[in-house]
Amino acid sequence: MERNRPHCPRLLFRFPWEVSPRAVLDYYRENRQFLAPWDPPRLPLFYTEERQQSYLGEEADAMAAGQALYWYLTLLEKPEQVIGSVQLTGLTGEPELGYKLSQSQAGKGLGTEAVLAVLELSRTPEIPRVTALVRPENHPSRRLLEKAGFRLFNRAATVRLCDDKMLTYAALANEGFLIP
């Protein structure tokens, strides 16, 4: 499993079974308002330790089945405090990148570092392209993707959990994922 752990200078990438449900819950509670414009609406049950334990188990199961990779981000100096997450889902088809970072850590380049580390890990013959969906008004996320070498691919139609129009960004393997 260690070969599936990205590396970058300022962050630790921790698997779902390496973080506590309390640490994940604290992250979501502290960033509830900050994440609200980008996340689907959350029911009160989401903000319970039991629900976070359930999500961590589901993520571990998806990893064991080879369907996805999930990591929780912590700073090197505070390995017990979750400050974000990165995931690659759809590994049996076309992988899709997702990521979140706490408000207190936004704007420091940590998100870009994390995404670049995941892309580096993803450079395999089995993965010709990684995509990421982003809302058009989420300018910080669009900038992060562009800094990480993603390019606007097309406008996606209605997407899974929301009726919002989304933008699809792609990083292509045959262009070295466009990593600068």
Protein backbone atom coordinates (compact mmCIF):
# COMPACT_ATOMS: atom_id res chain seq x y z
CA MET A 1 0.00 0.00 0.00
CA GLU A 2 2.95 2.32 0.61
CA ARG A 3 3.46 2.62 -3.16
CA ASN A 4 0.04 4.32 -3.23
CA ARG A 5 1.14 7.08 -0.85
CA PRO A 6 2.04 10.40 -2.49
CA HIS A 7 4.87 12.48 -1.05
CA CYS A 8 5.48 16.21 -0.89
CA PRO A 9 7.64 18.41 1.35
CA ARG A 10 5.09 19.90 3.74
CA LEU A 11 2.30 17.32 3.95
CA LEU A 12 1.63 13.79 5.11
CA PHE A 13 -0.84 11.72 3.06
CA ARG A 14 -2.68 9.44 5.48
CA PHE A 15 -4.93 6.55 4.46
CA PRO A 16 -8.49 6.38 5.88
CA TRP A 17 -7.48 3.75 8.46
CA GLU A 18 -4.67 6.02 9.71
CA VAL A 19 -6.84 8.93 10.83
CA SER A 20 -9.37 9.10 13.61
CA PRO A 21 -13.03 9.78 12.90
CA ARG A 22 -12.75 12.60 15.49
CA ALA A 23 -9.96 14.31 13.50
CA VAL A 24 -12.02 14.13 10.30
CA LEU A 25 -15.12 15.38 12.12
CA ASP A 26 -13.16 18.28 13.62
CA TYR A 27 -11.96 19.23 10.12
CA TYR A 28 -15.51 19.26 8.73
CA ARG A 29 -16.93 21.16 11.69
CA GLU A 30 -14.21 23.81 11.57
CA ASN A 31 -14.64 24.27 7.82
CA ARG A 32 -18.41 23.88 7.55
CA GLN A 33 -19.09 27.39 6.24
CA PHE A 34 -15.92 27.53 4.14
CA LEU A 35 -16.78 24.29 2.29
CA ALA A 36 -20.54 24.93 2.05
CA PRO A 37 -20.50 26.66 -1.37
CA TRP A 38 -18.66 23.72 -2.97
CA ASP A 39 -20.01 20.66 -1.15
CA PRO A 40 -23.47 19.14 -1.44
CA PRO A 41 -25.84 20.10 1.38
CA ARG A 42 -25.00 18.14 4.53
CA LEU A 43 -27.54 16.65 6.95
CA PRO A 44 -26.84 16.95 10.69
CA LEU A 45 -25.94 13.22 10.76
CA PHE A 46 -22.88 14.00 8.62
CA TYR A 47 -21.42 15.96 11.54
CA THR A 48 -21.20 12.95 13.87
CA GLU A 49 -18.23 10.78 14.74
CA GLU A 50 -20.24 7.66 13.89
CA ARG A 51 -20.95 8.87 10.37
CA GLN A 52 -17.32 9.81 9.80
CA GLN A 53 -16.28 6.33 11.02
CA SER A 54 -18.68 4.87 8.46
CA TYR A 55 -17.23 7.02 5.65
CA LEU A 56 -13.68 6.01 6.59
CA GLY A 57 -14.72 2.35 6.39
CA GLU A 58 -16.38 2.86 3.00
CA GLU A 59 -13.23 4.57 1.69
CA ALA A 60 -11.03 1.72 2.97
CA ASP A 61 -13.34 -0.80 1.28
CA ALA A 62 -13.19 1.11 -2.04
CA MET A 63 -9.40 1.13 -1.82
CA ALA A 64 -9.29 -2.61 -1.09
CA ALA A 65 -11.48 -3.21 -4.16
CA GLY A 66 -9.17 -1.13 -6.36
CA GLN A 67 -11.91 1.41 -7.12
CA ALA A 68 -10.43 4.52 -5.52
CA LEU A 69 -7.56 6.01 -3.53
CA TYR A 70 -8.24 8.27 -0.53
CA TRP A 71 -5.81 10.32 1.52
CA TYR A 72 -6.29 12.73 4.40
CA LEU A 73 -3.81 15.58 4.56
CA THR A 74 -1.96 16.62 7.69
CA LEU A 75 0.94 18.96 8.22
CA LEU A 76 4.26 17.27 9.06
CA GLU A 77 4.39 19.07 12.39
CA LYS A 78 0.76 18.20 13.30
CA PRO A 79 0.14 14.66 12.02
CA GLU A 80 -2.98 14.21 14.16
CA GLN A 81 -4.83 17.24 12.72
CA VAL A 82 -6.60 16.74 9.39
CA ILE A 83 -6.36 19.82 7.17
CA GLY A 84 -7.84 18.41 3.98
CA SER A 85 -8.23 15.43 1.71
CA VAL A 86 -7.43 14.24 -1.79
CA GLN A 87 -8.96 11.34 -3.65
CA LEU A 88 -8.84 9.59 -6.98
CA THR A 89 -12.13 7.86 -7.71
CA GLY A 90 -13.21 5.89 -10.75
CA LEU A 91 -10.00 3.89 -10.98
CA THR A 92 -11.81 1.18 -12.94
CA GLY A 93 -12.70 3.73 -15.63
CA GLU A 94 -11.50 7.30 -15.97
CA PRO A 95 -10.01 8.57 -12.70
CA GLU A 96 -11.43 11.75 -11.25
CA LEU A 97 -9.50 13.90 -8.81
CA GLY A 98 -11.15 15.53 -5.83
CA TYR A 99 -9.61 17.61 -3.07
CA LYS A 100 -10.43 19.87 -0.13
CA LEU A 101 -8.30 22.04 2.08
CA SER A 102 -9.10 23.84 5.31
CA GLN A 103 -9.69 27.57 5.26
CA SER A 104 -6.71 28.11 7.58
CA GLN A 105 -4.37 26.44 5.05
CA ALA A 106 -5.84 27.81 1.81
CA GLY A 107 -3.68 30.10 -0.29
CA LYS A 108 -0.35 28.63 0.92
CA GLY A 109 0.31 26.36 -2.06
CA LEU A 110 -0.48 23.19 -0.10
CA GLY A 111 -3.36 22.22 -2.37
CA THR A 112 -1.18 22.53 -5.45
CA GLU A 113 1.56 20.46 -3.78
CA ALA A 114 -0.94 17.76 -2.88
CA VAL A 115 -2.48 17.61 -6.34
CA LEU A 116 0.95 17.48 -8.03
CA ALA A 117 2.01 14.64 -5.72
CA VAL A 118 -1.12 12.66 -6.57
CA LEU A 119 -0.60 13.25 -10.30
CA GLU A 120 2.99 12.06 -10.02
CA LEU A 121 1.76 8.86 -8.36
CA SER A 122 -0.89 8.48 -11.08
CA ARG A 123 1.56 8.43 -13.97
CA THR A 124 1.05 4.86 -15.09
CA PRO A 125 0.18 3.27 -18.43
CA GLU A 126 -3.22 2.31 -16.99
CA ILE A 127 -4.19 5.96 -16.40
CA PRO A 128 -4.18 7.96 -19.65
CA ARG A 129 -5.99 10.93 -18.15
CA VAL A 130 -7.15 12.33 -14.83
CA THR A 131 -10.11 14.69 -14.75
CA ALA A 132 -11.42 17.10 -12.14
CA LEU A 133 -14.81 18.79 -11.99
CA VAL A 134 -15.06 22.31 -10.68
CA ARG A 135 -17.81 24.88 -10.44
CA PRO A 136 -17.21 27.85 -12.75
CA GLU A 137 -17.37 30.32 -9.85
CA ASN A 138 -14.74 28.44 -7.81
CA HIS A 139 -11.84 30.54 -9.03
CA PRO A 140 -9.31 29.37 -6.39
CA SER A 141 -9.87 25.74 -7.40
CA ARG A 142 -9.64 26.57 -11.09
CA ARG A 143 -6.31 28.34 -10.47
CA LEU A 144 -5.03 25.37 -8.46
CA LEU A 145 -5.86 22.96 -11.28
CA GLU A 146 -4.22 25.19 -13.88
CA LYS A 147 -1.07 25.53 -11.74
CA ALA A 148 -1.00 21.73 -11.47
CA GLY A 149 -1.06 21.43 -15.26
CA PHE A 150 -4.75 20.75 -15.85
CA ARG A 151 -6.40 22.39 -18.81
CA LEU A 152 -10.06 23.16 -19.39
CA PHE A 153 -11.42 20.21 -21.31
CA ASN A 154 -15.14 20.93 -21.69
CA ARG A 155 -18.25 21.99 -19.89
CA ALA A 156 -19.91 19.07 -18.20
CA ALA A 157 -23.65 18.67 -18.21
CA THR A 158 -25.57 17.99 -15.04
CA VAL A 159 -23.36 16.19 -12.56
CA ARG A 160 -24.26 13.52 -9.98
CA LEU A 161 -25.39 15.25 -6.79
CA CYS A 162 -26.25 18.70 -8.06
CA ASP A 163 -27.86 20.44 -10.97
CA ASP A 164 -25.03 22.94 -11.33
CA LYS A 165 -23.11 23.26 -14.54
CA MET A 166 -19.55 22.15 -13.97
CA LEU A 167 -16.29 22.65 -15.81
CA THR A 168 -14.16 19.60 -16.60
CA TYR A 169 -10.41 19.96 -16.37
CA ALA A 170 -8.10 17.21 -17.60
CA ALA A 171 -4.46 16.29 -17.20
CA LEU A 172 -3.26 14.01 -19.98
CA ALA A 173 -0.66 11.29 -19.48
CA ASN A 174 0.72 11.56 -23.01
CA GLU A 175 1.66 15.13 -22.16
CA GLY A 176 3.29 14.10 -18.90
CA PHE A 177 0.08 15.19 -17.21
CA LEU A 178 1.18 18.64 -18.33
CA ILE A 179 3.12 18.98 -15.08
CA PRO A 180 5.37 22.02 -15.34
